[in-house]
């Protein structure tokens, strides 16, 4: 798992406390998408809502 992915999961847990994979996925690692220079994390919360948070990708 990349540094950015770990950071997004941590950020989501700080804001929403408990998060779960969405869309029939079994792990949070399966819930990432990339588009251009952004990384997206899709996840569900305890109230069965789906959320999305993003982060700019860091290139070396």
N, C-alpha and C. Protein backbone atom coordinates (compact mmCIF):
# COMPACT_ATOMS: atom_id res chain seq x y z
N UNK A 1 0.85 -1.17 0.00
CA UNK A 1 0.00 0.00 0.00
C UNK A 1 0.91 1.24 0.00
N UNK A 2 0.52 2.22 -0.81
CA UNK A 2 1.34 3.42 -0.94
C UNK A 2 1.17 4.36 0.26
N UNK A 3 2.07 5.29 0.37
CA UNK A 3 2.01 6.30 1.44
C UNK A 3 0.71 7.11 1.33
N UNK A 4 0.34 7.47 0.09
CA UNK A 4 -0.88 8.23 -0.12
C UNK A 4 -2.12 7.45 0.29
N UNK A 5 -2.14 6.15 -0.04
CA UNK A 5 -3.28 5.31 0.34
C UNK A 5 -3.41 5.22 1.85
N UNK A 6 -2.30 5.00 2.53
CA UNK A 6 -2.34 4.95 3.99
C UNK A 6 -2.83 6.27 4.59
N UNK A 7 -2.37 7.38 4.00
CA UNK A 7 -2.77 8.69 4.49
C UNK A 7 -4.27 8.93 4.30
N UNK A 8 -4.82 8.50 3.16
CA UNK A 8 -6.26 8.68 2.93
C UNK A 8 -7.10 7.84 3.89
N UNK A 9 -6.68 6.61 4.14
CA UNK A 9 -7.41 5.77 5.10
C UNK A 9 -7.37 6.40 6.48
N UNK A 10 -6.21 6.89 6.89
CA UNK A 10 -6.08 7.53 8.19
C UNK A 10 -6.97 8.77 8.28
N UNK A 11 -6.97 9.58 7.23
CA UNK A 11 -7.79 10.80 7.19
C UNK A 11 -9.28 10.45 7.30
N UNK A 12 -9.71 9.42 6.58
CA UNK A 12 -11.11 9.00 6.61
C UNK A 12 -11.51 8.51 8.00
N UNK A 13 -10.62 7.77 8.66
CA UNK A 13 -10.92 7.26 9.99
C UNK A 13 -10.98 8.38 11.03
N UNK A 14 -10.18 9.41 10.86
CA UNK A 14 -10.23 10.55 11.78
C UNK A 14 -11.58 11.25 11.68
N UNK A 15 -12.05 11.45 10.45
CA UNK A 15 -13.30 12.18 10.23
C UNK A 15 -14.53 11.33 10.52
N UNK A 16 -14.54 10.08 10.05
CA UNK A 16 -15.74 9.24 10.10
C UNK A 16 -15.68 8.12 11.14
N UNK A 17 -14.58 7.98 11.84
CA UNK A 17 -14.36 6.95 12.87
C UNK A 17 -14.28 5.55 12.25
N UNK A 18 -15.41 4.92 11.98
CA UNK A 18 -15.42 3.58 11.40
C UNK A 18 -15.73 3.66 9.92
N UNK A 19 -14.86 3.07 9.11
CA UNK A 19 -15.10 3.03 7.67
C UNK A 19 -15.01 1.59 7.19
N UNK A 20 -15.72 1.33 6.09
CA UNK A 20 -15.82 -0.03 5.56
C UNK A 20 -15.68 0.02 4.03
N UNK A 21 -15.23 -1.07 3.43
CA UNK A 21 -15.18 -1.13 1.97
C UNK A 21 -16.60 -0.97 1.39
N UNK A 22 -16.67 -0.39 0.21
CA UNK A 22 -17.98 -0.21 -0.42
C UNK A 22 -18.04 -0.96 -1.75
N UNK A 23 -19.21 -1.00 -2.32
CA UNK A 23 -19.37 -1.58 -3.66
C UNK A 23 -19.04 -3.04 -3.76
N UNK A 24 -19.29 -3.80 -2.71
CA UNK A 24 -19.03 -5.22 -2.76
C UNK A 24 -17.56 -5.60 -2.59
N UNK A 25 -16.71 -4.63 -2.32
CA UNK A 25 -15.29 -4.92 -2.09
C UNK A 25 -15.10 -5.51 -0.71
N UNK A 26 -14.02 -6.27 -0.54
CA UNK A 26 -13.77 -6.92 0.74
C UNK A 26 -12.74 -6.19 1.60
N UNK A 27 -11.88 -5.40 0.97
CA UNK A 27 -10.86 -4.66 1.73
C UNK A 27 -10.84 -3.21 1.27
N UNK A 28 -10.36 -2.33 2.14
CA UNK A 28 -10.23 -0.92 1.77
C UNK A 28 -9.21 -0.74 0.65
N UNK A 29 -8.21 -1.61 0.57
CA UNK A 29 -7.20 -1.51 -0.47
C UNK A 29 -7.81 -1.63 -1.87
N UNK A 30 -8.98 -2.25 -1.98
CA UNK A 30 -9.66 -2.40 -3.26
C UNK A 30 -10.51 -1.18 -3.61
N UNK A 31 -10.59 -0.21 -2.71
CA UNK A 31 -11.51 0.93 -2.85
C UNK A 31 -10.84 2.19 -3.36
N UNK A 32 -9.66 2.06 -3.97
CA UNK A 32 -8.95 3.23 -4.48
C UNK A 32 -9.10 3.32 -5.99
N UNK A 33 -9.17 4.55 -6.47
CA UNK A 33 -9.15 4.84 -7.91
C UNK A 33 -8.13 5.95 -8.12
N UNK A 34 -7.56 5.97 -9.32
CA UNK A 34 -6.62 7.05 -9.68
C UNK A 34 -7.13 7.70 -10.95
N UNK A 35 -7.00 9.02 -10.99
CA UNK A 35 -7.33 9.77 -12.20
C UNK A 35 -6.40 10.95 -12.27
N UNK A 36 -5.67 11.05 -13.38
CA UNK A 36 -4.65 12.09 -13.55
C UNK A 36 -3.72 12.08 -12.34
N UNK A 37 -3.65 13.16 -11.60
CA UNK A 37 -2.73 13.22 -10.46
C UNK A 37 -3.45 13.11 -9.12
N UNK A 38 -4.66 12.55 -9.13
CA UNK A 38 -5.43 12.41 -7.88
C UNK A 38 -5.68 10.95 -7.54
N UNK A 39 -5.69 10.69 -6.25
CA UNK A 39 -6.01 9.37 -5.71
C UNK A 39 -7.33 9.50 -4.97
N UNK A 40 -8.26 8.60 -5.22
CA UNK A 40 -9.59 8.62 -4.62
C UNK A 40 -9.80 7.41 -3.73
N UNK A 41 -10.41 7.61 -2.58
CA UNK A 41 -10.80 6.51 -1.69
C UNK A 41 -12.31 6.56 -1.52
N UNK A 42 -12.96 5.49 -1.94
CA UNK A 42 -14.39 5.31 -1.78
C UNK A 42 -14.61 4.39 -0.59
N UNK A 43 -15.55 4.74 0.30
CA UNK A 43 -15.79 3.89 1.46
C UNK A 43 -17.19 4.15 2.00
N UNK A 44 -17.68 3.20 2.80
CA UNK A 44 -18.97 3.33 3.48
C UNK A 44 -18.73 3.63 4.95
N UNK A 45 -19.76 4.20 5.58
CA UNK A 45 -19.72 4.46 7.02
C UNK A 45 -20.85 3.67 7.68
N UNK A 46 -20.91 3.73 9.01
CA UNK A 46 -21.88 2.93 9.76
C UNK A 46 -23.33 3.22 9.38
N UNK A 47 -23.61 4.40 8.87
CA UNK A 47 -24.99 4.74 8.49
C UNK A 47 -25.31 4.32 7.05
N UNK A 48 -24.47 3.45 6.47
CA UNK A 48 -24.63 2.93 5.11
C UNK A 48 -24.54 4.01 4.03
N UNK A 49 -23.81 5.09 4.33
CA UNK A 49 -23.55 6.13 3.33
C UNK A 49 -22.20 5.87 2.68
N UNK A 50 -22.10 6.19 1.40
CA UNK A 50 -20.84 6.07 0.69
C UNK A 50 -20.20 7.45 0.60
N UNK A 51 -18.90 7.49 0.82
CA UNK A 51 -18.14 8.75 0.83
C UNK A 51 -16.94 8.63 -0.08
N UNK A 52 -16.41 9.77 -0.47
CA UNK A 52 -15.23 9.85 -1.32
C UNK A 52 -14.31 10.93 -0.77
N UNK A 53 -13.03 10.60 -0.60
CA UNK A 53 -12.04 11.62 -0.28
C UNK A 53 -10.89 11.48 -1.27
N UNK A 54 -10.19 12.58 -1.51
CA UNK A 54 -9.13 12.59 -2.52
C UNK A 54 -7.84 13.16 -1.96
N UNK A 55 -6.78 12.87 -2.68
CA UNK A 55 -5.48 13.44 -2.35
C UNK A 55 -4.66 13.54 -3.62
N UNK A 56 -3.86 14.57 -3.71
CA UNK A 56 -2.94 14.73 -4.83
C UNK A 56 -1.86 13.65 -4.71
N UNK A 57 -1.51 13.07 -5.83
CA UNK A 57 -0.44 12.08 -5.86
C UNK A 57 0.90 12.78 -5.74
N UNK A 58 1.81 12.19 -4.99
CA UNK A 58 3.17 12.73 -4.83
C UNK A 58 4.09 11.92 -5.71
N UNK A 59 4.72 12.57 -6.65
CA UNK A 59 5.63 11.89 -7.57
C UNK A 59 7.07 12.19 -7.18
N UNK A 60 7.92 11.20 -7.35
CA UNK A 60 9.34 11.38 -7.05
C UNK A 60 10.10 11.62 -8.33
